[in-house]
PDB file of N, CA and C in Angstrom:
ATOM      1  N   MET A   1      48.591  31.518  42.007  1.00  0.00           N
ATOM      2  CA  MET A   1      48.105  30.370  42.250  1.00  0.00           C
ATOM      3  C   MET A   1      48.397  28.968  41.567  1.00  0.00           C
ATOM      4  N   PHE A   2      48.421  29.081  40.259  1.00  0.00           N
ATOM      5  CA  PHE A   2      48.719  28.137  39.209  1.00  0.00           C
ATOM      6  C   PHE A   2      49.941  28.783  38.463  1.00  0.00           C
ATOM      7  N   LEU A   3      51.032  27.778  37.909  1.00  0.00           N
ATOM      8  CA  LEU A   3      52.139  28.268  37.048  1.00  0.00           C
ATOM      9  C   LEU A   3      51.535  28.496  35.754  1.00  0.00           C
ATOM     10  N   SER A   4      52.167  29.504  34.930  1.00  0.00           N
ATOM     11  CA  SER A   4      51.741  30.085  33.699  1.00  0.00           C
ATOM     12  C   SER A   4      52.120  28.951  32.792  1.00  0.00           C
ATOM     13  N   ILE A   5      51.621  28.974  31.628  1.00  0.00           N
ATOM     14  CA  ILE A   5      52.054  28.014  30.602  1.00  0.00           C
ATOM     15  C   ILE A   5      53.637  28.122  30.456  1.00  0.00           C
ATOM     16  N   ASP A   6      54.076  29.384  30.335  1.00  0.00           N
ATOM     17  CA  ASP A   6      55.431  29.727  30.064  1.00  0.00           C
ATOM     18  C   ASP A   6      56.603  28.944  31.115  1.00  0.00           C
ATOM     19  N   GLU A   7      55.797  29.099  32.372  1.00  0.00           N
ATOM     20  CA  GLU A   7      56.464  28.643  33.563  1.00  0.00           C
ATOM     21  C   GLU A   7      56.720  26.889  33.419  1.00  0.00           C
ATOM     22  N   ILE A   8      55.666  26.461  32.988  1.00  0.00           N
ATOM     23  CA  ILE A   8      55.570  25.178  32.957  1.00  0.00           C
ATOM     24  C   ILE A   8      56.454  24.709  31.704  1.00  0.00           C
ATOM     25  N   LYS A   9      56.530  25.323  30.794  1.00  0.00           N
ATOM     26  CA  LYS A   9      57.501  24.982  29.605  1.00  0.00           C
ATOM     27  C   LYS A   9      59.095  25.052  30.362  1.00  0.00           C
ATOM     28  N   GLU A  10      59.198  26.074  30.987  1.00  0.00           N
ATOM     29  CA  GLU A  10      60.775  26.135  31.779  1.00  0.00           C
ATOM     30  C   GLU A  10      61.026  25.230  32.520  1.00  0.00           C
ATOM     31  N   LEU A  11      59.887  24.691  33.288  1.00  0.00           N
ATOM     32  CA  LEU A  11      60.039  23.773  34.317  1.00  0.00           C
ATOM     33  C   LEU A  11      60.454  22.619  33.716  1.00  0.00           C
ATOM     34  N   THR A  12      59.690  22.080  32.566  1.00  0.00           N
ATOM     35  CA  THR A  12      59.866  20.891  31.917  1.00  0.00           C
ATOM     36  C   THR A  12      60.552  20.708  31.039  1.00  0.00           C
ATOM     37  N   GLY A  13      61.315  21.968  30.466  1.00  0.00           N
ATOM     38  CA  GLY A  13      62.297  22.069  29.316  1.00  0.00           C
ATOM     39  C   GLY A  13      61.423  21.661  27.912  1.00  0.00           C
ATOM     40  N   ASN A  14      60.301  21.696  28.061  1.00  0.00           N
ATOM     41  CA  ASN A  14      59.558  21.464  26.580  1.00  0.00           C
ATOM     42  C   ASN A  14      58.341  22.450  26.433  1.00  0.00           C
ATOM     43  N   GLY A  15      58.157  22.753  24.953  1.00  0.00           N
ATOM     44  CA  GLY A  15      57.033  23.552  24.794  1.00  0.00           C
ATOM     45  C   GLY A  15      55.797  22.934  24.306  1.00  0.00           C
ATOM     46  N   GLN A  16      55.717  21.634  24.279  1.00  0.00           N
ATOM     47  CA  GLN A  16      54.546  21.058  24.040  1.00  0.00           C
ATOM     48  C   GLN A  16      53.849  20.425  24.972  1.00  0.00           C
ATOM     49  N   LYS A  17      52.351  20.102  24.874  1.00  0.00           N
ATOM     50  CA  LYS A  17      51.583  19.742  25.927  1.00  0.00           C
ATOM     51  C   LYS A  17      51.910  18.359  26.127  1.00  0.00           C
ATOM     52  N   SER A  18      51.836  17.288  25.292  1.00  0.00           N
ATOM     53  CA  SER A  18      52.143  15.992  25.586  1.00  0.00           C
ATOM     54  C   SER A  18      53.617  15.586  26.469  1.00  0.00           C
ATOM     55  N   PRO A  19      54.703  16.181  25.785  1.00  0.00           N
ATOM     56  CA  PRO A  19      56.043  16.019  26.583  1.00  0.00           C
ATOM     57  C   PRO A  19      55.852  16.801  27.795  1.00  0.00           C
ATOM     58  N   CYS A  20      55.415  17.725  28.274  1.00  0.00           N
ATOM     59  CA  CYS A  20      55.343  18.447  29.439  1.00  0.00           C
ATOM     60  C   CYS A  20      54.539  17.538  30.253  1.00  0.00           C
ATOM     61  N   CYS A  21      53.381  16.855  30.157  1.00  0.00           N
ATOM     62  CA  CYS A  21      52.660  15.995  30.866  1.00  0.00           C
ATOM     63  C   CYS A  21      53.731  14.693  31.199  1.00  0.00           C
ATOM     64  N   LYS A  22      54.489  14.475  30.133  1.00  0.00           N
ATOM     65  CA  LYS A  22      55.231  12.919  30.568  1.00  0.00           C
ATOM     66  C   LYS A  22      56.243  13.308  31.331  1.00  0.00           C
ATOM     67  N   TRP A  23      56.959  14.836  31.321  1.00  0.00           N
ATOM     68  CA  TRP A  23      57.939  15.058  32.096  1.00  0.00           C
ATOM     69  C   TRP A  23      57.429  15.218  33.598  1.00  0.00           C
ATOM     70  N   LEU A  24      56.114  15.796  33.814  1.00  0.00           N
ATOM     71  CA  LEU A  24      55.416  16.022  34.988  1.00  0.00           C
ATOM     72  C   LEU A  24      55.413  14.614  35.675  1.00  0.00           C
ATOM     73  N   ASP A  25      54.837  13.691  35.147  1.00  0.00           N
ATOM     74  CA  ASP A  25      54.581  12.275  35.325  1.00  0.00           C
ATOM     75  C   ASP A  25      55.888  11.808  35.884  1.00  0.00           C
ATOM     76  N   GLU A  26      56.810  11.701  35.043  1.00  0.00           N
ATOM     77  CA  GLU A  26      57.880  11.074  35.337  1.00  0.00           C
ATOM     78  C   GLU A  26      58.852  11.549  36.762  1.00  0.00           C
ATOM     79  N   ASN A  27      58.352  12.976  36.940  1.00  0.00           N
ATOM     80  CA  ASN A  27      58.954  13.508  38.009  1.00  0.00           C
ATOM     81  C   ASN A  27      58.198  13.633  39.240  1.00  0.00           C
ATOM     82  N   HIS A  28      56.859  12.982  39.238  1.00  0.00           N
ATOM     83  CA  HIS A  28      55.983  13.028  40.320  1.00  0.00           C
ATOM     84  C   HIS A  28      55.381  14.260  40.586  1.00  0.00           C
ATOM     85  N   TYR A  29      55.215  15.328  39.593  1.00  0.00           N
ATOM     86  CA  TYR A  29      54.442  16.427  40.009  1.00  0.00           C
ATOM     87  C   TYR A  29      52.915  16.200  39.878  1.00  0.00           C
ATOM     88  N   LEU A  30      52.113  16.624  40.846  1.00  0.00           N
ATOM     89  CA  LEU A  30      50.811  16.560  40.634  1.00  0.00           C
ATOM     90  C   LEU A  30      50.251  17.678  39.782  1.00  0.00           C
ATOM     91  N   TYR A  31      49.166  17.620  38.924  1.00  0.00           N
ATOM     92  CA  TYR A  31      48.688  18.430  38.020  1.00  0.00           C
ATOM     93  C   TYR A  31      47.408  17.701  37.394  1.00  0.00           C
ATOM     94  N   GLU A  32      46.454  18.744  36.912  1.00  0.00           N
ATOM     95  CA  GLU A  32      45.350  18.428  36.115  1.00  0.00           C
ATOM     96  C   GLU A  32      45.453  19.014  34.677  1.00  0.00           C
ATOM     97  N   ILE A  33      44.615  18.396  33.793  1.00  0.00           N
ATOM     98  CA  ILE A  33      44.579  19.231  32.610  1.00  0.00           C
ATOM     99  C   ILE A  33      43.372  20.096  32.282  1.00  0.00           C
ATOM    100  N   ASN A  34      43.787  21.149  31.747  1.00  0.00           N
ATOM    101  CA  ASN A  34      42.705  22.280  31.736  1.00  0.00           C
ATOM    102  C   ASN A  34      42.268  21.990  30.124  1.00  0.00           C
ATOM    103  N   SER A  35      41.008  22.668  29.704  1.00  0.00           N
ATOM    104  CA  SER A  35      40.204  22.672  28.569  1.00  0.00           C
ATOM    105  C   SER A  35      40.769  22.676  27.448  1.00  0.00           C
ATOM    106  N   LYS A  36      41.990  23.199  27.472  1.00  0.00           N
ATOM    107  CA  LYS A  36      42.980  23.560  26.113  1.00  0.00           C
ATOM    108  C   LYS A  36      44.032  22.279  26.061  1.00  0.00           C
ATOM    109  N   GLY A  37      44.030  21.359  27.053  1.00  0.00           N
ATOM    110  CA  GLY A  37      44.844  20.208  27.169  1.00  0.00           C
ATOM    111  C   GLY A  37      46.162  20.442  27.898  1.00  0.00           C
ATOM    112  N   TRP A  38      46.503  21.872  28.378  1.00  0.00           N
ATOM    113  CA  TRP A  38      47.789  21.966  28.993  1.00  0.00           C
ATOM    114  C   TRP A  38      47.595  21.315  30.575  1.00  0.00           C
ATOM    115  N   PRO A  39      48.729  20.909  31.005  1.00  0.00           N
ATOM    116  CA  PRO A  39      48.712  20.599  32.507  1.00  0.00           C
ATOM    117  C   PRO A  39      48.746  22.039  33.421  1.00  0.00           C
ATOM    118  N   VAL A  40      47.752  21.752  34.213  1.00  0.00           N
ATOM    119  CA  VAL A  40      47.743  23.065  35.262  1.00  0.00           C
ATOM    120  C   VAL A  40      48.260  22.661  36.513  1.00  0.00           C
ATOM    121  N   VAL A  41      49.342  23.248  37.034  1.00  0.00           N
ATOM    122  CA  VAL A  41      50.292  22.850  38.506  1.00  0.00           C
ATOM    123  C   VAL A  41      50.000  24.097  39.341  1.00  0.00           C
ATOM    124  N   LEU A  42      49.840  23.717  40.621  1.00  0.00           N
ATOM    125  CA  LEU A  42      49.712  24.577  41.717  1.00  0.00           C
ATOM    126  C   LEU A  42      51.032  25.143  41.922  1.00  0.00           C
ATOM    127  N   ARG A  43      51.441  26.513  42.192  1.00  0.00           N
ATOM    128  CA  ARG A  43      52.452  26.813  42.132  1.00  0.00           C
ATOM    129  C   ARG A  43      53.323  26.533  43.549  1.00  0.00           C
ATOM    130  N   SER A  44      52.309  26.342  44.739  1.00  0.00           N
ATOM    131  CA  SER A  44      52.598  26.209  46.061  1.00  0.00           C
ATOM    132  C   SER A  44      53.234  24.543  46.009  1.00  0.00           C
ATOM    133  N   HIS A  45      53.005  23.572  44.895  1.00  0.00           N
ATOM    134  CA  HIS A  45      53.384  22.446  44.996  1.00  0.00           C
ATOM    135  C   HIS A  45      54.918  22.344  44.525  1.00  0.00           C
ATOM    136  N   VAL A  46      55.229  23.247  43.374  1.00  0.00           N
ATOM    137  CA  VAL A  46      56.454  23.285  42.834  1.00  0.00           C
ATOM    138  C   VAL A  46      57.438  23.960  44.004  1.00  0.00           C
ATOM    139  N   VAL A  47      56.846  25.027  44.705  1.00  0.00           N
ATOM    140  CA  VAL A  47      57.807  25.698  45.614  1.00  0.00           C
ATOM    141  C   VAL A  47      58.082  24.940  46.722  1.00  0.00           C
ATOM    142  N   ALA A  48      56.985  23.916  47.098  1.00  0.00           N
ATOM    143  CA  ALA A  48      57.596  23.006  48.123  1.00  0.00           C
ATOM    144  C   ALA A  48      58.441  21.853  47.695  1.00  0.00           C
ATOM    145  N   ARG A  49      58.182  21.425  46.333  1.00  0.00           N
ATOM    146  CA  ARG A  49      59.123  20.446  45.817  1.00  0.00           C
ATOM    147  C   ARG A  49      60.653  20.934  45.687  1.00  0.00           C
ATOM    148  N   MET A  50      60.766  22.292  45.398  1.00  0.00           N
ATOM    149  CA  MET A  50      62.382  22.672  45.302  1.00  0.00           C
ATOM    150  C   MET A  50      62.501  23.287  46.652  1.00  0.00           C
ATOM    151  N   GLY A  51      61.690  23.191  47.800  1.00  0.00           N
ATOM    152  CA  GLY A  51      62.467  23.395  49.051  1.00  0.00           C
ATOM    153  C   GLY A  51      62.319  24.913  49.497  1.00  0.00           C
ATOM    154  N   GLY A  52      61.603  25.756  48.681  1.00  0.00           N
ATOM    155  CA  GLY A  52      61.472  27.176  48.963  1.00  0.00           C
ATOM    156  C   GLY A  52      60.453  27.425  49.665  1.00  0.00           C
ATOM    157  N   THR A  53      60.198  28.722  49.871  1.00  0.00           N
ATOM    158  CA  THR A  53      59.107  29.344  50.706  1.00  0.00           C
ATOM    159  C   THR A  53      58.091  29.868  49.749  1.00  0.00           C
ATOM    160  N   PRO A  54      56.859  29.712  49.742  1.00  0.00           N
ATOM    161  CA  PRO A  54      56.002  30.263  48.947  1.00  0.00           C
ATOM    162  C   PRO A  54      55.922  31.848  49.122  1.00  0.00           C
ATOM    163  N   THR A  55      55.816  32.714  48.297  1.00  0.00           N
ATOM    164  CA  THR A  55      55.810  34.163  48.107  1.00  0.00           C
ATOM    165  C   THR A  55      54.149  34.572  48.517  1.00  0.00           C
ATOM    166  N   GLU A  56      53.435  33.746  47.922  1.00  0.00           N
ATOM    167  CA  GLU A  56      52.038  34.135  47.975  1.00  0.00           C
ATOM    168  C   GLU A  56      51.353  34.385  49.371  1.00  0.00           C
ATOM    169  N   SER A  57      50.540  35.438  49.383  1.00  0.00           N
ATOM    170  CA  SER A  57      49.935  35.734  50.428  1.00  0.00           C
ATOM    171  C   SER A  57      49.062  34.548  51.304  1.00  0.00           C
ATOM    172  N   LYS A  58      49.355  34.541  52.463  1.00  0.00           N
ATOM    173  CA  LYS A  58      48.855  33.493  53.320  1.00  0.00           C
ATOM    174  C   LYS A  58      47.321  33.980  53.825  1.00  0.00           C
ATOM    175  N   ARG A  59      46.621  33.087  54.198  1.00  0.00           N
ATOM    176  CA  ARG A  59      45.128  33.246  54.771  1.00  0.00           C
ATOM    177  C   ARG A  59      45.680  33.835  56.350  1.00  0.00           C
ATOM    178  N   PRO A  60      44.983  34.667  56.987  1.00  0.00           N
ATOM    179  CA  PRO A  60      45.034  35.069  58.233  1.00  0.00           C
ATOM    180  C   PRO A  60      45.091  34.104  59.188  1.00  0.00           C
ATOM    181  N   GLN A  61      45.614  33.962  59.980  1.00  0.00           N
ATOM    182  CA  GLN A  61      45.636  32.900  61.103  1.00  0.00           C
ATOM    183  C   GLN A  61      45.233  33.545  62.482  1.00  0.00           C
ATOM    184  N   LEU A  62      44.458  32.427  63.127  1.00  0.00           N
ATOM    185  CA  LEU A  62      44.004  32.899  64.553  1.00  0.00           C
ATOM    186  C   LEU A  62      45.068  32.671  65.381  1.00  0.00           C
ATOM    187  N   VAL A  63      45.379  33.602  66.263  1.00  0.00           N
ATOM    188  CA  VAL A  63      46.490  33.740  67.187  1.00  0.00           C
ATOM    189  C   VAL A  63      45.830  33.541  68.601  1.00  0.00           C
ATOM    190  N   LEU A  64      46.054  32.592  69.179  1.00  0.00           N
ATOM    191  CA  LEU A  64      45.444  32.212  70.732  1.00  0.00           C
ATOM    192  C   LEU A  64      46.209  32.926  71.748  1.00  0.00           C
ATOM    193  N   LYS A  65      45.688  33.561  72.579  1.00  0.00           N
ATOM    194  CA  LYS A  65      46.512  34.208  73.746  1.00  0.00           C
ATOM    195  C   LYS A  65      45.993  33.453  74.977  1.00  0.00           C
TER     196      LYS A  65
END
């Protein structure tokens, strides 16, 4: 559901909280700050921004016939 802290570090190219947030802001990524001060980024948001297809399981959809 969310990127891990290691994934956020890899995405932003930085290992500290504040520079990660700055990079996310500058690149227009949506995020919230958790209780430890780290940005929380939805994995689906990053996948969509990168033009990929999410691999997470989707909710079942109703099929009308």
